[in-house]
């Protein structure tokens, strides 16, 4: 599967990069807890460092490597996992979605003898037909249909997260790729706002079998606005009883030179789960700590 992903991206003109796993300042995002490592942190994502490469002239880049998050362990979560992250500069989140569809199909073909249909599983008895075009669902439509309210018109962060987990994601079709688009502006900390409707952001998330596979942005390139959002996220983390992360001043300095870009992060382990019909992440990763264990 990894060979197929690399071959697909290489053929599309991307080149592979490697950035540090141990970083001085992760992005401030509520509910995401990068583990401390001495005076630094283990990365939850290579995003900030890859964007600094874009600011230095890298055009199409990707990276596959380990990422870390504390307090995440379950059937679909692990404290260490593999992330694929890729960027197009210049580029849009729509172009990155086209990349994502090709990558999902290539991964499925690689492990299923050329077929673009993933095998049946408990939550997708008919399997997942990745050859079908993805079903595009704006977030506000999903919430109106399955949660009974419009988060764009009346934002409520706690209600949004609870309903996403308990109402929206369980209601998504299981036999195809579904893409939630046009997230409320408040739910897109590093994304551009839609110029035609600034109430929503240039963000999408791709699902299969109800499993979140990928998260993408039309990337924000305004350092002043990004600083404001980081400060707001730090305040929110404090209010939640979490430790705010330091602000990466080098990233903000370089952000002013970054061209318009689209980027996405894809969970490689979850993609393997979908492609193989696996029920738990333990089936596709070796040596995970037991659920409930402290690591």
C-alpha atoms as a PDB file:
ATOM      1  CA  UNK A   1       0.000   0.000   0.000  1.00  0.00           C
ATOM      2  CA  UNK A   2       2.821   2.406   0.845  1.00  0.00           C
ATOM      3  CA  UNK A   3       4.545   1.623  -2.449  1.00  0.00           C
ATOM      4  CA  UNK A   4       1.297   2.381  -4.298  1.00  0.00           C
ATOM      5  CA  UNK A   5       0.830   5.700  -2.477  1.00  0.00           C
ATOM      6  CA  UNK A   6       4.379   6.789  -3.236  1.00  0.00           C
ATOM      7  CA  UNK A   7       4.109   5.713  -6.883  1.00  0.00           C
ATOM      8  CA  UNK A   8       0.873   7.687  -7.320  1.00  0.00           C
ATOM      9  CA  UNK A   9       2.313  10.866  -5.810  1.00  0.00           C
ATOM     10  CA  UNK A  10       5.670  10.538  -7.573  1.00  0.00           C
ATOM     11  CA  UNK A  11       3.895  10.158 -10.923  1.00  0.00           C
ATOM     12  CA  UNK A  12       1.891  13.335 -10.197  1.00  0.00           C
ATOM     13  CA  UNK A  13       5.090  15.363  -9.739  1.00  0.00           C
ATOM     14  CA  UNK A  14       5.313  15.365  -5.945  1.00  0.00           C
ATOM     15  CA  UNK A  15       8.587  14.697  -4.166  1.00  0.00           C
ATOM     16  CA  UNK A  16       9.032  13.118  -0.775  1.00  0.00           C
ATOM     17  CA  UNK A  17      10.436  15.131   2.134  1.00  0.00           C
ATOM     18  CA  UNK A  18      11.334  14.429   5.747  1.00  0.00           C
ATOM     19  CA  UNK A  19      10.913  16.938   8.565  1.00  0.00           C
ATOM     20  CA  UNK A  20      11.685  16.595  12.291  1.00  0.00           C
ATOM     21  CA  UNK A  21       9.541  14.365  14.488  1.00  0.00           C
ATOM     22  CA  UNK A  22      10.608  16.309  17.594  1.00  0.00           C
ATOM     23  CA  UNK A  23       9.522  19.951  17.256  1.00  0.00           C
ATOM     24  CA  UNK A  24       9.625  23.068  19.462  1.00  0.00           C
ATOM     25  CA  UNK A  25       6.022  24.239  19.026  1.00  0.00           C
ATOM     26  CA  UNK A  26       3.065  22.232  17.671  1.00  0.00           C
ATOM     27  CA  UNK A  27      -0.044  23.956  16.340  1.00  0.00           C
ATOM     28  CA  UNK A  28      -2.498  24.897  19.085  1.00  0.00           C
ATOM     29  CA  UNK A  29      -5.589  22.768  18.539  1.00  0.00           C
ATOM     30  CA  UNK A  30      -8.116  21.958  21.268  1.00  0.00           C
ATOM     31  CA  UNK A  31      -8.404  18.246  22.147  1.00  0.00           C
ATOM     32  CA  UNK A  32      -5.085  17.404  20.419  1.00  0.00           C
ATOM     33  CA  UNK A  33      -2.292  16.734  22.906  1.00  0.00           C
ATOM     34  CA  UNK A  34       1.219  16.266  21.443  1.00  0.00           C
ATOM     35  CA  UNK A  35       3.400  14.344  23.932  1.00  0.00           C
ATOM     36  CA  UNK A  36       6.229  16.376  25.514  1.00  0.00           C
ATOM     37  CA  UNK A  37       9.780  15.301  24.726  1.00  0.00           C
ATOM     38  CA  UNK A  38      12.225  17.129  26.986  1.00  0.00           C
ATOM     39  CA  UNK A  39      11.774  20.817  26.199  1.00  0.00           C
ATOM     40  CA  UNK A  40      10.175  19.953  22.857  1.00  0.00           C
ATOM     41  CA  UNK A  41       7.193  17.913  21.672  1.00  0.00           C
ATOM     42  CA  UNK A  42       6.604  14.884  19.489  1.00  0.00           C
ATOM     43  CA  UNK A  43       4.668  16.107  16.492  1.00  0.00           C
ATOM     44  CA  UNK A  44       0.935  15.523  16.107  1.00  0.00           C
ATOM     45  CA  UNK A  45       1.412  16.434  12.431  1.00  0.00           C
ATOM     46  CA  UNK A  46       4.261  17.612  10.177  1.00  0.00           C
ATOM     47  CA  UNK A  47       2.074  20.488   8.960  1.00  0.00           C
ATOM     48  CA  UNK A  48       3.951  23.544  10.204  1.00  0.00           C
ATOM     49  CA  UNK A  49       7.343  22.302   9.043  1.00  0.00           C
ATOM     50  CA  UNK A  50       6.046  21.278   5.611  1.00  0.00           C
ATOM     51  CA  UNK A  51       4.469  24.698   5.137  1.00  0.00           C
ATOM     52  CA  UNK A  52       7.821  26.287   5.937  1.00  0.00           C
ATOM     53  CA  UNK A  53       9.235  24.261   3.032  1.00  0.00           C
ATOM     54  CA  UNK A  54       6.477  25.626   0.782  1.00  0.00           C
ATOM     55  CA  UNK A  55       7.502  29.142   1.824  1.00  0.00           C
ATOM     56  CA  UNK A  56      11.023  28.313   0.645  1.00  0.00           C
ATOM     57  CA  UNK A  57       9.892  27.330  -2.828  1.00  0.00           C
ATOM     58  CA  UNK A  58       8.894  23.667  -2.551  1.00  0.00           C
ATOM     59  CA  UNK A  59       5.915  23.133  -4.848  1.00  0.00           C
ATOM     60  CA  UNK A  60       4.437  19.653  -4.545  1.00  0.00           C
ATOM     61  CA  UNK A  61       5.639  17.713  -1.520  1.00  0.00           C
ATOM     62  CA  UNK A  62       4.552  14.766   0.594  1.00  0.00           C
ATOM     63  CA  UNK A  63       5.668  12.950   3.715  1.00  0.00           C
ATOM     64  CA  UNK A  64       4.782   9.612   5.291  1.00  0.00           C
ATOM     65  CA  UNK A  65       5.842   9.187   8.887  1.00  0.00           C
ATOM     66  CA  UNK A  66       4.981   8.747  12.558  1.00  0.00           C
ATOM     67  CA  UNK A  67       2.820  11.183  14.508  1.00  0.00           C
ATOM     68  CA  UNK A  68       1.852  11.139  18.182  1.00  0.00           C
ATOM     69  CA  UNK A  69      -1.112  12.157  20.317  1.00  0.00           C
ATOM     70  CA  UNK A  70      -1.657  11.603  24.013  1.00  0.00           C
ATOM     71  CA  UNK A  71      -4.898  10.157  25.339  1.00  0.00           C
ATOM     72  CA  UNK A  72      -5.941   8.555  22.047  1.00  0.00           C
ATOM     73  CA  UNK A  73      -6.377   4.779  22.181  1.00  0.00           C
ATOM     74  CA  UNK A  74      -9.284   2.762  20.864  1.00  0.00           C
ATOM     75  CA  UNK A  75     -10.508   0.741  17.904  1.00  0.00           C
ATOM     76  CA  UNK A  76      -9.544   3.580  15.495  1.00  0.00           C
ATOM     77  CA  UNK A  77      -6.981   5.500  17.569  1.00  0.00           C
ATOM     78  CA  UNK A  78      -3.425   4.891  18.703  1.00  0.00           C
ATOM     79  CA  UNK A  79      -0.920   7.077  20.577  1.00  0.00           C
ATOM     80  CA  UNK A  80       1.509   6.614  17.648  1.00  0.00           C
ATOM     81  CA  UNK A  81       0.238   6.339  14.096  1.00  0.00           C
ATOM     82  CA  UNK A  82       1.332   6.862  10.487  1.00  0.00           C
ATOM     83  CA  UNK A  83       0.332  10.034   8.662  1.00  0.00           C
ATOM     84  CA  UNK A  84       0.523  10.889   4.987  1.00  0.00           C
ATOM     85  CA  UNK A  85       0.560  14.633   4.429  1.00  0.00           C
ATOM     86  CA  UNK A  86       0.839  16.318   1.042  1.00  0.00           C
ATOM     87  CA  UNK A  87       0.679  19.856  -0.360  1.00  0.00           C
ATOM     88  CA  UNK A  88       0.193  21.567  -3.695  1.00  0.00           C
ATOM     89  CA  UNK A  89       1.613  25.081  -4.007  1.00  0.00           C
ATOM     90  CA  UNK A  90       0.077  26.734  -5.852  1.00  0.00           C
ATOM     91  CA  UNK A  91      -3.018  24.636  -5.371  1.00  0.00           C
ATOM     92  CA  UNK A  92      -6.528  24.367  -3.957  1.00  0.00           C
ATOM     93  CA  UNK A  93      -8.310  22.005  -1.603  1.00  0.00           C
ATOM     94  CA  UNK A  94     -10.384  20.873  -4.605  1.00  0.00           C
ATOM     95  CA  UNK A  95      -7.255  19.705  -6.408  1.00  0.00           C
ATOM     96  CA  UNK A  96      -6.109  17.971  -3.240  1.00  0.00           C
ATOM     97  CA  UNK A  97      -9.456  16.148  -3.107  1.00  0.00           C
ATOM     98  CA  UNK A  98      -8.797  14.789  -6.604  1.00  0.00           C
ATOM     99  CA  UNK A  99      -5.397  13.591  -5.338  1.00  0.00           C
ATOM    100  CA  UNK A 100      -7.061  11.922  -2.366  1.00  0.00           C
ATOM    101  CA  UNK A 101      -9.546   9.974  -4.485  1.00  0.00           C
ATOM    102  CA  UNK A 102      -6.709   8.647  -6.647  1.00  0.00           C
ATOM    103  CA  UNK A 103      -4.701   7.664  -3.566  1.00  0.00           C
ATOM    104  CA  UNK A 104      -7.620   5.800  -1.984  1.00  0.00           C
ATOM    105  CA  UNK A 105      -8.175   3.837  -5.175  1.00  0.00           C
ATOM    106  CA  UNK A 106      -4.474   3.082  -5.612  1.00  0.00           C
ATOM    107  CA  UNK A 107      -4.196   1.828  -2.033  1.00  0.00           C
ATOM    108  CA  UNK A 108      -7.238  -0.396  -2.435  1.00  0.00           C
ATOM    109  CA  UNK A 109      -5.945  -1.866  -5.704  1.00  0.00           C
ATOM    110  CA  UNK A 110      -2.589  -2.583  -4.095  1.00  0.00           C
ATOM    111  CA  UNK A 111      -4.027  -4.817  -1.377  1.00  0.00           C
ATOM    112  CA  UNK A 112      -7.042  -6.284  -3.201  1.00  0.00           C
ATOM    113  CA  UNK A 113      -5.568  -7.675  -6.394  1.00  0.00           C
ATOM    114  CA  UNK A 114      -6.393  -4.664  -8.526  1.00  0.00           C
ATOM    115  CA  UNK A 115     -10.008  -4.275  -7.323  1.00  0.00           C
ATOM    116  CA  UNK A 116     -11.248  -0.840  -6.236  1.00  0.00           C
ATOM    117  CA  UNK A 117     -13.808  -2.337  -3.852  1.00  0.00           C
ATOM    118  CA  UNK A 118     -12.711  -2.913  -0.260  1.00  0.00           C
ATOM    119  CA  UNK A 119     -13.938  -6.152   1.367  1.00  0.00           C
ATOM    120  CA  UNK A 120     -17.008  -6.315   3.633  1.00  0.00           C
ATOM    121  CA  UNK A 121     -16.706  -5.463   7.309  1.00  0.00           C
ATOM    122  CA  UNK A 122     -18.993  -5.269  10.290  1.00  0.00           C
ATOM    123  CA  UNK A 123     -19.936  -1.649   9.585  1.00  0.00           C
ATOM    124  CA  UNK A 124     -19.957  -2.025   5.767  1.00  0.00           C
ATOM    125  CA  UNK A 125     -21.472  -5.444   4.963  1.00  0.00           C
ATOM    126  CA  UNK A 126     -21.410  -4.747   1.226  1.00  0.00           C
ATOM    127  CA  UNK A 127     -17.847  -3.473   1.251  1.00  0.00           C
ATOM    128  CA  UNK A 128     -16.737  -0.038   0.049  1.00  0.00           C
ATOM    129  CA  UNK A 129     -16.838   0.801  -3.656  1.00  0.00           C
ATOM    130  CA  UNK A 130     -13.969   3.250  -4.102  1.00  0.00           C
ATOM    131  CA  UNK A 131     -14.461   3.389  -7.861  1.00  0.00           C
ATOM    132  CA  UNK A 132     -17.583   5.540  -7.360  1.00  0.00           C
ATOM    133  CA  UNK A 133     -17.179   9.315  -7.311  1.00  0.00           C
ATOM    134  CA  UNK A 134     -17.242  10.571  -3.720  1.00  0.00           C
ATOM    135  CA  UNK A 135     -20.520  11.849  -2.332  1.00  0.00           C
ATOM    136  CA  UNK A 136     -20.085  15.544  -1.449  1.00  0.00           C
ATOM    137  CA  UNK A 137     -22.115  16.753   1.562  1.00  0.00           C
ATOM    138  CA  UNK A 138     -21.828  20.313   2.946  1.00  0.00           C
ATOM    139  CA  UNK A 139     -21.498  20.235   6.726  1.00  0.00           C
ATOM    140  CA  UNK A 140     -24.564  22.390   7.345  1.00  0.00           C
ATOM    141  CA  UNK A 141     -26.698  20.006   5.257  1.00  0.00           C
ATOM    142  CA  UNK A 142     -25.371  17.013   7.197  1.00  0.00           C
ATOM    143  CA  UNK A 143     -26.218  18.654  10.518  1.00  0.00           C
ATOM    144  CA  UNK A 144     -29.661  19.789   9.393  1.00  0.00           C
ATOM    145  CA  UNK A 145     -30.461  16.260   8.216  1.00  0.00           C
ATOM    146  CA  UNK A 146     -28.995  14.182  11.048  1.00  0.00           C
ATOM    147  CA  UNK A 147     -28.607  16.531  14.020  1.00  0.00           C
ATOM    148  CA  UNK A 148     -31.489  18.957  13.532  1.00  0.00           C
ATOM    149  CA  UNK A 149     -29.611  22.259  13.539  1.00  0.00           C
ATOM    150  CA  UNK A 150     -27.355  24.480  11.416  1.00  0.00           C
ATOM    151  CA  UNK A 151     -23.861  25.060  12.891  1.00  0.00           C
ATOM    152  CA  UNK A 152     -23.092  27.769  10.323  1.00  0.00           C
ATOM    153  CA  UNK A 153     -26.079  29.854  11.417  1.00  0.00           C
ATOM    154  CA  UNK A 154     -25.708  29.184  15.161  1.00  0.00           C
ATOM    155  CA  UNK A 155     -22.238  27.988  16.161  1.00  0.00           C
ATOM    156  CA  UNK A 156     -21.883  25.880  19.314  1.00  0.00           C
ATOM    157  CA  UNK A 157     -18.468  24.223  19.605  1.00  0.00           C
ATOM    158  CA  UNK A 158     -19.392  21.605  22.226  1.00  0.00           C
ATOM    159  CA  UNK A 159     -22.639  20.661  20.495  1.00  0.00           C
ATOM    160  CA  UNK A 160     -20.840  20.501  17.140  1.00  0.00           C
ATOM    161  CA  UNK A 161     -18.260  17.991  18.416  1.00  0.00           C
ATOM    162  CA  UNK A 162     -20.804  15.834  20.238  1.00  0.00           C
ATOM    163  CA  UNK A 163     -23.208  15.701  17.309  1.00  0.00           C
ATOM    164  CA  UNK A 164     -20.394  14.959  14.864  1.00  0.00           C
ATOM    165  CA  UNK A 165     -19.416  11.895  16.912  1.00  0.00           C
ATOM    166  CA  UNK A 166     -22.885  10.686  17.898  1.00  0.00           C
ATOM    167  CA  UNK A 167     -25.190  11.742  15.049  1.00  0.00           C
ATOM    168  CA  UNK A 168     -23.421  12.809  11.873  1.00  0.00           C
ATOM    169  CA  UNK A 169     -20.575  10.309  11.483  1.00  0.00           C
ATOM    170  CA  UNK A 170     -22.773   7.279  12.396  1.00  0.00           C
ATOM    171  CA  UNK A 171     -25.294   8.371   9.732  1.00  0.00           C
ATOM    172  CA  UNK A 172     -22.854   8.671   6.818  1.00  0.00           C
ATOM    173  CA  UNK A 173     -23.211   6.090   4.012  1.00  0.00           C
ATOM    174  CA  UNK A 174     -20.858   3.187   4.589  1.00  0.00           C
ATOM    175  CA  UNK A 175     -20.433   1.735   1.096  1.00  0.00           C
ATOM    176  CA  UNK A 176     -18.728   4.687  -0.597  1.00  0.00           C
ATOM    177  CA  UNK A 177     -16.424   7.624   0.080  1.00  0.00           C
ATOM    178  CA  UNK A 178     -18.272  10.603   1.584  1.00  0.00           C
ATOM    179  CA  UNK A 179     -16.711  14.065   1.773  1.00  0.00           C
ATOM    180  CA  UNK A 180     -17.964  16.665   4.245  1.00  0.00           C
ATOM    181  CA  UNK A 181     -17.240  20.176   2.947  1.00  0.00           C
ATOM    182  CA  UNK A 182     -17.684  23.838   3.905  1.00  0.00           C
ATOM    183  CA  UNK A 183     -16.964  23.543   7.607  1.00  0.00           C
ATOM    184  CA  UNK A 184     -18.007  26.479   9.809  1.00  0.00           C
ATOM    185  CA  UNK A 185     -15.262  29.103   9.988  1.00  0.00           C
ATOM    186  CA  UNK A 186     -14.837  28.404  13.710  1.00  0.00           C
ATOM    187  CA  UNK A 187     -13.895  24.764  12.943  1.00  0.00           C
ATOM    188  CA  UNK A 188     -10.960  25.432  10.639  1.00  0.00           C
ATOM    189  CA  UNK A 189      -7.992  26.814  12.552  1.00  0.00           C
ATOM    190  CA  UNK A 190      -5.449  26.763   9.681  1.00  0.00           C
ATOM    191  CA  UNK A 191      -7.768  27.073   6.664  1.00  0.00           C
ATOM    192  CA  UNK A 192      -8.712  29.994   4.440  1.00  0.00           C
ATOM    193  CA  UNK A 193     -12.260  31.258   4.658  1.00  0.00           C
ATOM    194  CA  UNK A 194     -14.430  30.913   1.575  1.00  0.00           C
ATOM    195  CA  UNK A 195     -14.261  34.321  -0.164  1.00  0.00           C
ATOM    196  CA  UNK A 196     -17.868  34.022  -1.370  1.00  0.00           C
ATOM    197  CA  UNK A 197     -19.161  33.046   2.085  1.00  0.00           C
ATOM    198  CA  UNK A 198     -16.735  33.771   4.958  1.00  0.00           C
ATOM    199  CA  UNK A 199     -19.021  31.946   7.380  1.00  0.00           C
ATOM    200  CA  UNK A 200     -17.501  28.717   6.059  1.00  0.00           C
ATOM    201  CA  UNK A 201     -13.917  27.601   5.499  1.00  0.00           C
ATOM    202  CA  UNK A 202     -12.113  25.877   2.648  1.00  0.00           C
ATOM    203  CA  UNK A 203     -11.986  22.555   4.475  1.00  0.00           C
ATOM    204  CA  UNK A 204     -13.126  19.011   3.714  1.00  0.00           C
ATOM    205  CA  UNK A 205     -12.938  15.655   5.456  1.00  0.00           C
ATOM    206  CA  UNK A 206     -13.171  12.309   3.651  1.00  0.00           C
ATOM    207  CA  UNK A 207     -14.869   9.260   5.195  1.00  0.00           C
ATOM    208  CA  UNK A 208     -15.298   5.618   4.249  1.00  0.00           C
ATOM    209  CA  UNK A 209     -17.196   3.093   6.402  1.00  0.00           C
ATOM    210  CA  UNK A 210     -17.913   6.071   8.650  1.00  0.00           C
ATOM    211  CA  UNK A 211     -14.189   6.268   9.417  1.00  0.00           C
ATOM    212  CA  UNK A 212     -12.528   9.664   9.032  1.00  0.00           C
ATOM    213  CA  UNK A 213      -9.616   9.139   6.651  1.00  0.00           C
ATOM    214  CA  UNK A 214      -8.401  12.564   5.538  1.00  0.00           C
ATOM    215  CA  UNK A 215      -8.667  16.223   6.504  1.00  0.00           C
ATOM    216  CA  UNK A 216      -7.784  19.001   4.037  1.00  0.00           C
ATOM    217  CA  UNK A 217      -7.534  22.782   3.878  1.00  0.00           C
ATOM    218  CA  UNK A 218      -7.191  25.551   1.426  1.00  0.00           C
ATOM    219  CA  UNK A 219      -4.258  26.828   3.474  1.00  0.00           C
ATOM    220  CA  UNK A 220      -4.317  30.125   5.313  1.00  0.00           C
ATOM    221  CA  UNK A 221      -1.337  32.314   4.318  1.00  0.00           C
ATOM    222  CA  UNK A 222      -2.034  35.392   6.480  1.00  0.00           C
ATOM    223  CA  UNK A 223       0.370  35.442   9.468  1.00  0.00           C
ATOM    224  CA  UNK A 224      -1.613  38.076  11.398  1.00  0.00           C
ATOM    225  CA  UNK A 225      -4.847  36.116  11.092  1.00  0.00           C
ATOM    226  CA  UNK A 226      -3.035  32.871  11.907  1.00  0.00           C
ATOM    227  CA  UNK A 227      -1.582  34.430  15.062  1.00  0.00           C
ATOM    228  CA  UNK A 228      -5.066  35.558  16.112  1.00  0.00           C
ATOM    229  CA  UNK A 229      -6.376  32.025  15.639  1.00  0.00           C
ATOM    230  CA  UNK A 230      -3.456  30.489  17.543  1.00  0.00           C
ATOM    231  CA  UNK A 231      -4.094  32.857  20.454  1.00  0.00           C
ATOM    232  CA  UNK A 232      -7.809  31.991  20.423  1.00  0.00           C
ATOM    233  CA  UNK A 233      -6.951  28.278  20.401  1.00  0.00           C
ATOM    234  CA  UNK A 234      -4.541  28.776  23.317  1.00  0.00           C
ATOM    235  CA  UNK A 235      -7.326  30.455  25.293  1.00  0.00           C
ATOM    236  CA  UNK A 236      -9.719  27.623  24.449  1.00  0.00           C
ATOM    237  CA  UNK A 237      -7.189  24.979  25.511  1.00  0.00           C
ATOM    238  CA  UNK A 238      -6.720  26.777  28.830  1.00  0.00           C
ATOM    239  CA  UNK A 239     -10.484  26.898  29.344  1.00  0.00           C
ATOM    240  CA  UNK A 240     -10.642  23.139  28.690  1.00  0.00           C
ATOM    241  CA  UNK A 241      -7.932  22.473  31.276  1.00  0.00           C
ATOM    242  CA  UNK A 242      -5.354  21.613  28.589  1.00  0.00           C
ATOM    243  CA  UNK A 243      -1.829  23.032  28.423  1.00  0.00           C
ATOM    244  CA  UNK A 244      -1.498  25.649  25.653  1.00  0.00           C
ATOM    245  CA  UNK A 245       1.344  25.065  23.212  1.00  0.00           C
ATOM    246  CA  UNK A 246       3.950  27.781  22.561  1.00  0.00           C
ATOM    247  CA  UNK A 247       3.479  29.707  19.329  1.00  0.00           C
ATOM    248  CA  UNK A 248       5.927  28.831  16.567  1.00  0.00           C
ATOM    249  CA  UNK A 249       7.277  32.247  15.652  1.00  0.00           C
ATOM    250  CA  UNK A 250       9.465  30.825  12.863  1.00  0.00           C
ATOM    251  CA  UNK A 251       6.374  29.358  11.220  1.00  0.00           C
ATOM    252  CA  UNK A 252       4.490  32.663  11.412  1.00  0.00           C
ATOM    253  CA  UNK A 253       7.487  34.511   9.949  1.00  0.00           C
ATOM    254  CA  UNK A 254       7.696  32.101   7.008  1.00  0.00           C
ATOM    255  CA  UNK A 255       3.933  32.009   6.473  1.00  0.00           C
ATOM    256  CA  UNK A 256       4.067  35.455   4.881  1.00  0.00           C
ATOM    257  CA  UNK A 257       6.110  33.950   2.016  1.00  0.00           C
ATOM    258  CA  UNK A 258       3.933  30.880   1.457  1.00  0.00           C
ATOM    259  CA  UNK A 259       2.083  30.773  -1.881  1.00  0.00           C
ATOM    260  CA  UNK A 260      -1.611  29.799  -2.081  1.00  0.00           C
ATOM    261  CA  UNK A 261      -1.732  26.089  -1.363  1.00  0.00           C
ATOM    262  CA  UNK A 262      -3.965  23.124  -0.738  1.00  0.00           C
ATOM    263  CA  UNK A 263      -2.929  20.430   1.694  1.00  0.00           C
ATOM    264  CA  UNK A 264      -4.267  17.239   3.245  1.00  0.00           C
ATOM    265  CA  UNK A 265      -3.429  14.807   6.039  1.00  0.00           C
ATOM    266  CA  UNK A 266      -4.458  11.168   5.691  1.00  0.00           C
ATOM    267  CA  UNK A 267      -4.344   8.449   8.351  1.00  0.00           C
ATOM    268  CA  UNK A 268      -2.409   5.602   6.758  1.00  0.00           C
ATOM    269  CA  UNK A 269      -3.466   3.049   9.392  1.00  0.00           C
ATOM    270  CA  UNK A 270      -7.152   3.880   8.945  1.00  0.00           C
ATOM    271  CA  UNK A 271      -6.773   3.624   5.184  1.00  0.00           C
ATOM    272  CA  UNK A 272      -5.311   0.150   5.685  1.00  0.00           C
ATOM    273  CA  UNK A 273      -8.312  -0.727   7.878  1.00  0.00           C
ATOM    274  CA  UNK A 274     -10.719   0.273   5.114  1.00  0.00           C
ATOM    275  CA  UNK A 275      -8.752  -1.370   2.307  1.00  0.00           C
ATOM    276  CA  UNK A 276      -8.493  -4.665   4.221  1.00  0.00           C
ATOM    277  CA  UNK A 277     -11.898  -4.694   5.917  1.00  0.00           C
ATOM    278  CA  UNK A 278     -10.199  -4.612   9.346  1.00  0.00           C
ATOM    279  CA  UNK A 279     -12.340  -3.825  12.390  1.00  0.00           C
ATOM    280  CA  UNK A 280      -9.614  -2.397  14.649  1.00  0.00           C
ATOM    281  CA  UNK A 281      -6.373  -0.482  14.195  1.00  0.00           C
ATOM    282  CA  UNK A 282      -4.595  -3.296  16.090  1.00  0.00           C
ATOM    283  CA  UNK A 283      -5.115  -5.492  12.996  1.00  0.00           C
ATOM    284  CA  UNK A 284      -2.924  -3.216  10.849  1.00  0.00           C
ATOM    285  CA  UNK A 285      -0.322  -1.933  13.356  1.00  0.00           C
ATOM    286  CA  UNK A 286       2.088  -4.035  15.393  1.00  0.00           C
ATOM    287  CA  UNK A 287       3.011  -3.613  19.060  1.00  0.00           C
ATOM    288  CA  UNK A 288       0.325  -1.145  20.120  1.00  0.00           C
ATOM    289  CA  UNK A 289      -0.168  -0.662  23.861  1.00  0.00           C
ATOM    290  CA  UNK A 290      -3.352  -2.230  25.274  1.00  0.00           C
ATOM    291  CA  UNK A 291      -6.439  -0.034  25.423  1.00  0.00           C
ATOM    292  CA  UNK A 292      -6.327   1.824  28.722  1.00  0.00           C
ATOM    293  CA  UNK A 293      -2.577   1.376  29.183  1.00  0.00           C
ATOM    294  CA  UNK A 294      -0.395   4.367  30.050  1.00  0.00           C
ATOM    295  CA  UNK A 295       2.566   4.782  27.709  1.00  0.00           C
END
